N, C-alpha and C. Protein backbone atom coordinates (compact mmCIF):
# COMPACT_ATOMS: atom_id res chain seq x y z
N MET A 1 8.50 0.16 -4.32
CA MET A 1 7.10 0.37 -3.77
C MET A 1 7.39 1.14 -2.50
N ARG A 2 6.72 2.13 -2.35
CA ARG A 2 6.63 3.01 -1.12
C ARG A 2 5.74 2.42 -0.06
N TYR A 3 6.29 2.09 0.96
CA TYR A 3 5.45 1.64 2.34
C TYR A 3 6.10 2.03 3.76
N GLY A 4 5.48 2.25 4.58
CA GLY A 4 6.01 2.72 5.94
C GLY A 4 5.90 3.81 6.40
N VAL A 5 6.31 4.27 7.47
CA VAL A 5 6.11 5.70 8.12
C VAL A 5 6.68 6.67 7.28
N GLY A 6 5.95 7.66 6.89
CA GLY A 6 6.61 8.98 6.18
C GLY A 6 6.31 8.76 4.86
N MET A 7 5.94 7.82 4.29
CA MET A 7 5.93 7.47 2.74
C MET A 7 4.46 8.03 2.16
N ASN A 8 4.32 8.35 1.02
CA ASN A 8 3.29 8.49 0.35
C ASN A 8 2.25 7.62 0.47
N ASP A 9 1.04 8.15 0.56
CA ASP A 9 -0.19 7.25 0.94
C ASP A 9 -0.69 6.41 -0.42
N VAL A 10 -0.21 6.90 -1.49
CA VAL A 10 -0.35 6.03 -2.96
C VAL A 10 1.09 5.89 -3.79
N ASP A 11 1.04 4.95 -4.22
CA ASP A 11 2.33 4.81 -5.11
C ASP A 11 2.23 3.69 -6.27
N ALA A 12 2.39 4.49 -7.62
CA ALA A 12 2.17 3.48 -8.60
C ALA A 12 3.48 3.43 -9.12
N ARG A 13 3.81 1.90 -9.49
CA ARG A 13 5.13 1.61 -9.74
C ARG A 13 5.09 1.01 -11.29
N ASP A 14 6.33 1.29 -11.91
CA ASP A 14 6.29 0.98 -13.41
C ASP A 14 6.21 -0.64 -13.49
N ASP A 15 6.10 -1.39 -12.56
CA ASP A 15 5.98 -2.80 -12.56
C ASP A 15 4.58 -3.08 -12.62
N GLY A 16 3.63 -2.25 -12.47
CA GLY A 16 2.22 -2.43 -12.62
C GLY A 16 1.33 -2.80 -11.26
N LEU A 17 2.12 -2.26 -10.52
CA LEU A 17 1.59 -2.21 -8.88
C LEU A 17 1.24 -0.93 -8.20
N VAL A 18 0.06 -0.81 -7.80
CA VAL A 18 -0.16 0.31 -7.03
C VAL A 18 -0.65 -0.23 -5.68
N THR A 19 0.16 0.70 -4.81
CA THR A 19 0.06 0.39 -3.26
C THR A 19 -0.48 1.59 -2.58
N VAL A 20 -1.65 1.42 -1.70
CA VAL A 20 -2.44 2.52 -1.12
C VAL A 20 -2.47 2.31 0.27
N ARG A 21 -2.18 3.24 1.19
CA ARG A 21 -2.28 2.93 2.45
C ARG A 21 -3.89 3.11 2.83
N SER A 22 -4.30 2.19 3.68
CA SER A 22 -5.55 2.20 4.12
C SER A 22 -5.47 3.07 5.48
N ALA A 23 -6.97 3.75 5.70
CA ALA A 23 -7.14 4.36 6.67
C ALA A 23 -7.65 3.35 7.79
N PHE A 24 -7.83 2.35 7.53
CA PHE A 24 -8.48 1.21 8.46
C PHE A 24 -7.52 0.08 8.80
N GLY A 25 -7.67 -0.93 9.79
CA GLY A 25 -6.84 -2.11 9.69
C GLY A 25 -7.43 -3.02 9.02
N ALA A 26 -6.58 -4.16 8.90
CA ALA A 26 -6.50 -5.13 8.05
C ALA A 26 -8.12 -5.86 7.74
N ALA A 27 -8.54 -6.25 9.10
CA ALA A 27 -10.02 -6.70 8.92
C ALA A 27 -10.96 -5.65 8.30
N GLU A 28 -11.13 -4.41 9.00
CA GLU A 28 -11.87 -3.76 8.33
C GLU A 28 -11.88 -3.35 6.80
N SER A 29 -10.59 -3.40 6.67
CA SER A 29 -10.18 -3.17 4.89
C SER A 29 -10.70 -4.00 4.06
N ILE A 30 -10.46 -5.08 4.68
CA ILE A 30 -11.08 -6.45 3.81
C ILE A 30 -12.49 -6.15 3.54
N GLU A 31 -13.35 -5.90 4.90
CA GLU A 31 -14.85 -6.17 4.65
C GLU A 31 -15.25 -4.88 3.82
N ARG A 32 -14.51 -3.75 3.83
CA ARG A 32 -14.49 -2.63 2.96
C ARG A 32 -14.52 -2.88 1.63
N LEU A 33 -13.57 -3.53 1.54
CA LEU A 33 -13.11 -3.72 -0.08
C LEU A 33 -14.12 -4.63 -0.56
N GLU A 34 -14.62 -5.44 0.11
CA GLU A 34 -15.44 -6.82 -0.40
C GLU A 34 -16.84 -6.08 -0.71
N LYS A 35 -17.19 -5.43 0.23
CA LYS A 35 -18.43 -4.60 0.20
C LYS A 35 -18.51 -3.55 -0.99
N ALA A 36 -17.43 -2.97 -1.41
CA ALA A 36 -17.07 -1.97 -2.49
C ALA A 36 -17.20 -2.73 -3.78
N VAL A 37 -16.52 -3.87 -3.81
CA VAL A 37 -16.35 -4.53 -4.90
C VAL A 37 -17.94 -4.96 -5.15
N THR A 38 -18.44 -5.68 -4.42
CA THR A 38 -19.97 -6.32 -4.87
C THR A 38 -20.96 -5.21 -5.00
N GLY A 39 -20.79 -3.96 -4.28
CA GLY A 39 -21.53 -2.70 -4.77
C GLY A 39 -21.18 -2.26 -5.93
N ALA A 40 -20.06 -2.50 -6.60
CA ALA A 40 -19.78 -1.89 -7.88
C ALA A 40 -20.32 -3.02 -9.05
N GLY A 41 -20.94 -3.92 -8.52
CA GLY A 41 -21.55 -4.90 -9.50
C GLY A 41 -20.47 -6.28 -9.69
N MET A 42 -19.36 -6.32 -9.18
CA MET A 42 -18.48 -7.27 -9.45
C MET A 42 -18.74 -8.27 -8.21
N LYS A 43 -17.96 -9.34 -8.56
CA LYS A 43 -18.03 -10.60 -7.53
C LYS A 43 -17.00 -11.11 -6.95
N VAL A 44 -16.94 -11.31 -5.49
CA VAL A 44 -15.80 -11.64 -4.96
C VAL A 44 -15.74 -13.38 -4.95
N PHE A 45 -14.61 -13.73 -5.75
CA PHE A 45 -14.69 -15.23 -5.88
C PHE A 45 -13.86 -16.09 -4.87
N ALA A 46 -12.88 -15.17 -4.09
CA ALA A 46 -12.19 -16.01 -3.09
C ALA A 46 -11.58 -14.97 -2.37
N ARG A 47 -11.22 -15.56 -0.84
CA ARG A 47 -10.59 -14.77 0.10
C ARG A 47 -9.49 -15.54 0.50
N ILE A 48 -8.34 -15.29 0.39
CA ILE A 48 -7.08 -16.19 0.89
C ILE A 48 -6.46 -15.70 1.94
N ASP A 49 -6.54 -15.95 3.23
CA ASP A 49 -5.82 -15.29 4.45
C ASP A 49 -4.52 -16.27 4.52
N GLN A 50 -3.33 -15.39 3.86
CA GLN A 50 -2.22 -15.93 3.90
C GLN A 50 -1.63 -16.09 5.42
N ALA A 51 -1.85 -15.23 6.18
CA ALA A 51 -1.39 -15.12 7.51
C ALA A 51 -2.11 -16.61 8.46
N ALA A 52 -3.40 -16.79 7.96
CA ALA A 52 -3.71 -17.90 8.63
C ALA A 52 -3.26 -19.12 8.09
N GLU A 53 -2.90 -18.95 6.69
CA GLU A 53 -2.45 -20.40 6.27
C GLU A 53 -0.95 -20.58 6.93
N ALA A 54 -0.08 -19.67 7.12
CA ALA A 54 0.95 -19.71 7.75
C ALA A 54 0.95 -20.50 9.24
N ARG A 55 -0.04 -19.55 9.97
CA ARG A 55 -0.13 -20.23 11.48
C ARG A 55 -0.62 -21.83 11.15
N ALA A 56 -1.23 -22.18 10.27
CA ALA A 56 -1.76 -23.60 10.19
C ALA A 56 -0.40 -24.28 10.18
N VAL A 57 0.72 -24.08 9.60
CA VAL A 57 1.77 -24.70 9.70
C VAL A 57 3.02 -24.26 10.44
N GLY A 58 2.34 -23.59 11.49
CA GLY A 58 3.42 -23.22 12.59
C GLY A 58 4.34 -22.21 12.22
N LEU A 59 3.91 -21.38 11.23
CA LEU A 59 4.74 -20.14 10.97
C LEU A 59 4.00 -18.93 11.37
N GLU A 60 4.44 -17.82 11.66
CA GLU A 60 3.97 -16.52 12.03
C GLU A 60 4.24 -15.39 10.74
N MET A 61 3.17 -14.68 10.48
CA MET A 61 3.49 -13.67 9.50
C MET A 61 2.57 -12.54 9.86
N ARG A 62 2.62 -11.25 9.41
CA ARG A 62 1.73 -10.17 9.43
C ARG A 62 0.61 -10.38 8.64
N ALA A 63 -0.48 -9.80 8.61
CA ALA A 63 -1.80 -9.83 8.13
C ALA A 63 -1.44 -9.76 6.73
N ALA A 64 -1.89 -10.67 5.90
CA ALA A 64 -1.88 -10.62 4.42
C ALA A 64 -2.81 -11.50 3.92
N THR A 65 -3.87 -10.71 3.06
CA THR A 65 -4.97 -11.47 2.73
C THR A 65 -5.25 -11.01 1.22
N VAL A 66 -5.31 -12.17 0.23
CA VAL A 66 -5.61 -11.98 -1.02
C VAL A 66 -7.12 -11.94 -1.30
N ILE A 67 -7.73 -10.97 -2.08
CA ILE A 67 -8.92 -10.94 -2.32
C ILE A 67 -9.11 -11.29 -3.97
N LEU A 68 -9.78 -12.24 -4.50
CA LEU A 68 -9.81 -12.43 -6.09
C LEU A 68 -11.29 -11.91 -6.27
N PHE A 69 -11.42 -10.85 -7.49
CA PHE A 69 -12.68 -10.44 -7.44
C PHE A 69 -12.91 -9.87 -9.11
N GLY A 70 -13.96 -9.67 -9.48
CA GLY A 70 -14.08 -9.18 -10.82
C GLY A 70 -15.43 -9.57 -11.27
N ASN A 71 -15.64 -9.27 -12.91
CA ASN A 71 -16.82 -9.55 -13.28
C ASN A 71 -16.68 -10.32 -14.60
N PRO A 72 -17.13 -11.65 -14.72
CA PRO A 72 -16.82 -12.11 -16.18
C PRO A 72 -17.24 -11.48 -17.27
N LYS A 73 -18.27 -10.50 -17.25
CA LYS A 73 -18.58 -9.71 -18.59
C LYS A 73 -17.54 -8.83 -18.70
N GLY A 74 -16.73 -8.44 -17.68
CA GLY A 74 -15.51 -7.31 -18.15
C GLY A 74 -14.43 -8.00 -18.36
N GLY A 75 -13.76 -9.47 -17.78
CA GLY A 75 -12.89 -10.00 -18.00
C GLY A 75 -12.78 -10.79 -19.03
N THR A 76 -13.80 -11.48 -19.53
CA THR A 76 -13.93 -12.49 -20.46
C THR A 76 -13.45 -11.99 -21.94
N PRO A 77 -13.86 -10.93 -22.23
CA PRO A 77 -13.28 -10.19 -23.48
C PRO A 77 -11.76 -10.18 -23.60
N LEU A 78 -11.20 -9.78 -22.47
CA LEU A 78 -9.55 -9.74 -22.24
C LEU A 78 -8.85 -11.10 -22.55
N MET A 79 -9.76 -12.23 -21.92
CA MET A 79 -9.25 -13.33 -21.93
C MET A 79 -9.50 -14.21 -23.36
N ILE A 80 -10.44 -13.68 -24.17
CA ILE A 80 -10.71 -14.19 -25.57
C ILE A 80 -9.70 -13.60 -26.38
N ALA A 81 -9.40 -12.22 -25.97
CA ALA A 81 -8.44 -11.57 -27.10
C ALA A 81 -6.79 -12.16 -26.72
N LYS A 82 -6.49 -12.38 -25.59
CA LYS A 82 -5.34 -13.04 -25.27
C LYS A 82 -5.58 -14.09 -24.09
N PRO A 83 -5.68 -15.35 -24.54
CA PRO A 83 -6.04 -16.44 -23.52
C PRO A 83 -4.82 -16.36 -22.16
N THR A 84 -3.80 -15.92 -22.48
CA THR A 84 -2.91 -15.96 -21.14
C THR A 84 -3.13 -14.92 -20.20
N VAL A 85 -4.04 -14.01 -20.46
CA VAL A 85 -4.52 -13.21 -19.46
C VAL A 85 -5.20 -13.77 -18.41
N ALA A 86 -5.67 -14.96 -18.62
CA ALA A 86 -6.48 -15.68 -17.67
C ALA A 86 -5.48 -16.11 -16.22
N ILE A 87 -4.30 -16.17 -16.60
CA ILE A 87 -3.33 -16.13 -15.36
C ILE A 87 -3.45 -15.13 -14.39
N ASP A 88 -3.90 -13.87 -14.78
CA ASP A 88 -3.89 -12.88 -14.11
C ASP A 88 -5.46 -12.31 -13.58
N LEU A 89 -6.34 -13.03 -14.31
CA LEU A 89 -7.55 -12.73 -13.68
C LEU A 89 -8.14 -13.93 -13.11
N PRO A 90 -9.09 -13.57 -12.21
CA PRO A 90 -9.82 -12.79 -11.85
C PRO A 90 -8.79 -11.43 -11.03
N LEU A 91 -9.15 -10.30 -11.03
CA LEU A 91 -8.38 -9.29 -10.58
C LEU A 91 -7.99 -9.61 -8.94
N LYS A 92 -6.90 -9.35 -8.18
CA LYS A 92 -6.79 -9.48 -7.03
C LYS A 92 -6.41 -8.13 -6.09
N ALA A 93 -6.58 -8.13 -5.01
CA ALA A 93 -6.28 -7.07 -3.96
C ALA A 93 -5.37 -7.66 -2.88
N LEU A 94 -4.45 -7.22 -2.64
CA LEU A 94 -3.72 -7.86 -1.41
C LEU A 94 -3.67 -6.73 -0.05
N VAL A 95 -4.24 -7.10 1.00
CA VAL A 95 -4.46 -6.32 1.98
C VAL A 95 -3.37 -6.84 3.08
N TRP A 96 -2.46 -6.34 3.34
CA TRP A 96 -1.27 -6.51 4.36
C TRP A 96 -0.86 -5.45 5.23
N ASP A 97 -0.16 -5.68 6.45
CA ASP A 97 0.26 -5.02 7.19
C ASP A 97 1.79 -4.89 7.23
N ASP A 98 2.37 -3.69 7.47
CA ASP A 98 3.72 -3.41 7.22
C ASP A 98 4.31 -3.48 8.91
N ALA A 99 5.67 -3.50 9.03
CA ALA A 99 6.20 -3.70 10.40
C ALA A 99 5.90 -2.74 11.47
N GLN A 100 5.39 -1.36 10.91
CA GLN A 100 5.01 -0.51 11.77
C GLN A 100 3.56 -0.41 12.21
N GLY A 101 2.69 -1.49 11.36
CA GLY A 101 1.31 -1.78 11.89
C GLY A 101 0.55 -1.12 11.02
N ALA A 102 1.01 -0.40 9.91
CA ALA A 102 0.10 0.40 8.89
C ALA A 102 -0.49 -0.89 7.91
N THR A 103 -1.86 -0.53 7.38
CA THR A 103 -2.46 -1.50 6.52
C THR A 103 -2.27 -0.83 5.17
N TRP A 104 -2.01 -1.76 4.35
CA TRP A 104 -1.79 -1.27 3.06
C TRP A 104 -2.88 -2.22 2.10
N VAL A 105 -3.08 -1.66 0.82
CA VAL A 105 -3.72 -2.53 -0.12
C VAL A 105 -2.93 -2.38 -1.59
N THR A 106 -2.52 -3.42 -2.20
CA THR A 106 -1.96 -3.43 -3.13
C THR A 106 -2.35 -4.36 -4.27
N TYR A 107 -2.80 -3.87 -5.52
CA TYR A 107 -3.25 -4.34 -6.70
C TYR A 107 -2.49 -4.01 -7.97
N ASN A 108 -2.60 -5.06 -9.04
CA ASN A 108 -2.40 -4.73 -10.31
C ASN A 108 -3.04 -3.71 -11.02
N THR A 109 -2.12 -3.19 -11.91
CA THR A 109 -2.97 -1.98 -12.76
C THR A 109 -2.99 -2.70 -14.19
N PRO A 110 -4.03 -2.19 -15.06
CA PRO A 110 -4.13 -2.81 -16.56
C PRO A 110 -2.82 -2.75 -17.24
N ALA A 111 -1.84 -1.57 -16.87
CA ALA A 111 -0.67 -1.70 -17.73
C ALA A 111 -0.03 -3.07 -17.66
N LEU A 112 -0.15 -3.82 -16.41
CA LEU A 112 0.50 -5.11 -16.23
C LEU A 112 0.19 -5.84 -17.37
N LEU A 113 -1.17 -6.06 -17.59
CA LEU A 113 -1.75 -6.96 -18.53
C LEU A 113 -1.11 -6.64 -19.76
N VAL A 114 -1.08 -5.13 -20.24
CA VAL A 114 -0.52 -4.89 -21.36
C VAL A 114 1.01 -5.05 -21.88
N ARG A 115 1.85 -5.08 -20.76
CA ARG A 115 3.21 -5.45 -20.81
C ARG A 115 3.68 -6.94 -20.69
N ARG A 116 2.40 -7.51 -19.99
CA ARG A 116 2.92 -9.01 -19.81
C ARG A 116 2.28 -9.91 -20.69
N HIS A 117 1.39 -9.53 -21.43
CA HIS A 117 0.51 -10.27 -22.45
C HIS A 117 0.35 -9.87 -23.66
N GLY A 118 0.84 -8.49 -23.93
CA GLY A 118 0.76 -7.94 -25.29
C GLY A 118 -0.74 -7.52 -25.38
N LEU A 119 -1.69 -7.18 -24.41
CA LEU A 119 -2.97 -6.70 -24.58
C LEU A 119 -3.29 -5.57 -25.18
N ASP A 120 -4.26 -5.03 -25.86
CA ASP A 120 -4.57 -3.79 -26.17
C ASP A 120 -4.68 -3.08 -25.21
N PRO A 121 -4.02 -1.78 -25.31
CA PRO A 121 -4.19 -0.91 -23.76
C PRO A 121 -5.62 -0.64 -23.76
N ALA A 122 -6.46 -0.42 -25.06
CA ALA A 122 -7.87 0.15 -24.74
C ALA A 122 -8.64 -1.02 -24.01
N LEU A 123 -8.49 -2.12 -24.39
CA LEU A 123 -9.26 -3.36 -23.74
C LEU A 123 -8.78 -3.42 -22.32
N ALA A 124 -7.21 -3.11 -22.02
CA ALA A 124 -6.95 -3.32 -20.73
C ALA A 124 -7.55 -2.35 -19.73
N ASP A 125 -7.70 -1.28 -20.35
CA ASP A 125 -8.31 -0.11 -19.60
C ASP A 125 -9.66 -0.28 -19.03
N ARG A 126 -10.34 -1.18 -19.61
CA ARG A 126 -11.73 -1.54 -19.14
C ARG A 126 -11.70 -1.88 -17.75
N LEU A 127 -10.58 -2.21 -17.35
CA LEU A 127 -10.33 -2.59 -15.81
C LEU A 127 -9.98 -1.54 -15.00
N ALA A 128 -9.68 -0.58 -15.47
CA ALA A 128 -9.06 0.60 -14.49
C ALA A 128 -10.03 1.05 -13.56
N PRO A 129 -11.53 1.14 -13.71
CA PRO A 129 -12.19 1.65 -12.65
C PRO A 129 -12.16 0.70 -11.41
N ALA A 130 -11.77 -0.49 -11.39
CA ALA A 130 -11.83 -1.41 -10.33
C ALA A 130 -10.76 -0.89 -9.30
N GLY A 131 -9.45 -0.18 -9.90
CA GLY A 131 -8.63 0.24 -8.97
C GLY A 131 -9.10 1.40 -7.95
N LYS A 132 -10.15 2.25 -8.88
CA LYS A 132 -10.62 3.42 -8.02
C LYS A 132 -11.59 2.90 -7.06
N VAL A 133 -12.23 1.80 -7.12
CA VAL A 133 -13.19 1.34 -6.31
C VAL A 133 -12.42 0.77 -4.95
N LEU A 134 -11.34 0.18 -5.02
CA LEU A 134 -10.60 -0.17 -4.14
C LEU A 134 -9.95 0.86 -3.19
N GLU A 135 -9.42 2.03 -4.12
CA GLU A 135 -9.10 3.02 -3.50
C GLU A 135 -10.05 3.67 -2.53
N ARG A 136 -11.25 4.00 -3.21
CA ARG A 136 -12.16 4.76 -2.44
C ARG A 136 -12.53 4.18 -1.16
N ALA A 137 -12.63 2.90 -1.12
CA ALA A 137 -12.99 1.85 -0.12
C ALA A 137 -12.24 2.25 1.28
N VAL A 138 -10.70 2.08 0.94
CA VAL A 138 -9.89 2.03 1.91
C VAL A 138 -9.25 3.68 2.35
N THR A 139 -9.86 4.59 1.58
CA THR A 139 -9.35 5.91 1.99
C THR A 139 -10.28 6.68 2.36
N ALA A 140 -11.40 6.19 2.36
CA ALA A 140 -12.78 7.09 2.79
C ALA A 140 -12.72 7.56 4.27
């Protein structure tokens, strides 16, 4: 994964992850992502602030928040086809800060579901627009 000063702003990897540099700080990136997701007709199911959870037990870490989101109308057919896909749905976006203070967004690609669960690629591709929604929200 590429991240840090001087690296590309977008990096797609063979492991099924995409990492995009945000033009905004972590808090604003989270707000923009949630607004973009709901604006695209999806639902935010949960927000998990990993850094806050770490602080609650006396540990420190840089910003790291996971947003769980999706649309049951889109994800349910995938879970019907391959029930194990439910371990990877709803979709997730991780907003995190690197050591230099840059904010990044990382999310899974549909290809991950194909490789991990043997899901039909055409069915998995139904989720591809979600990545574009995330990227537009933090690079605009």
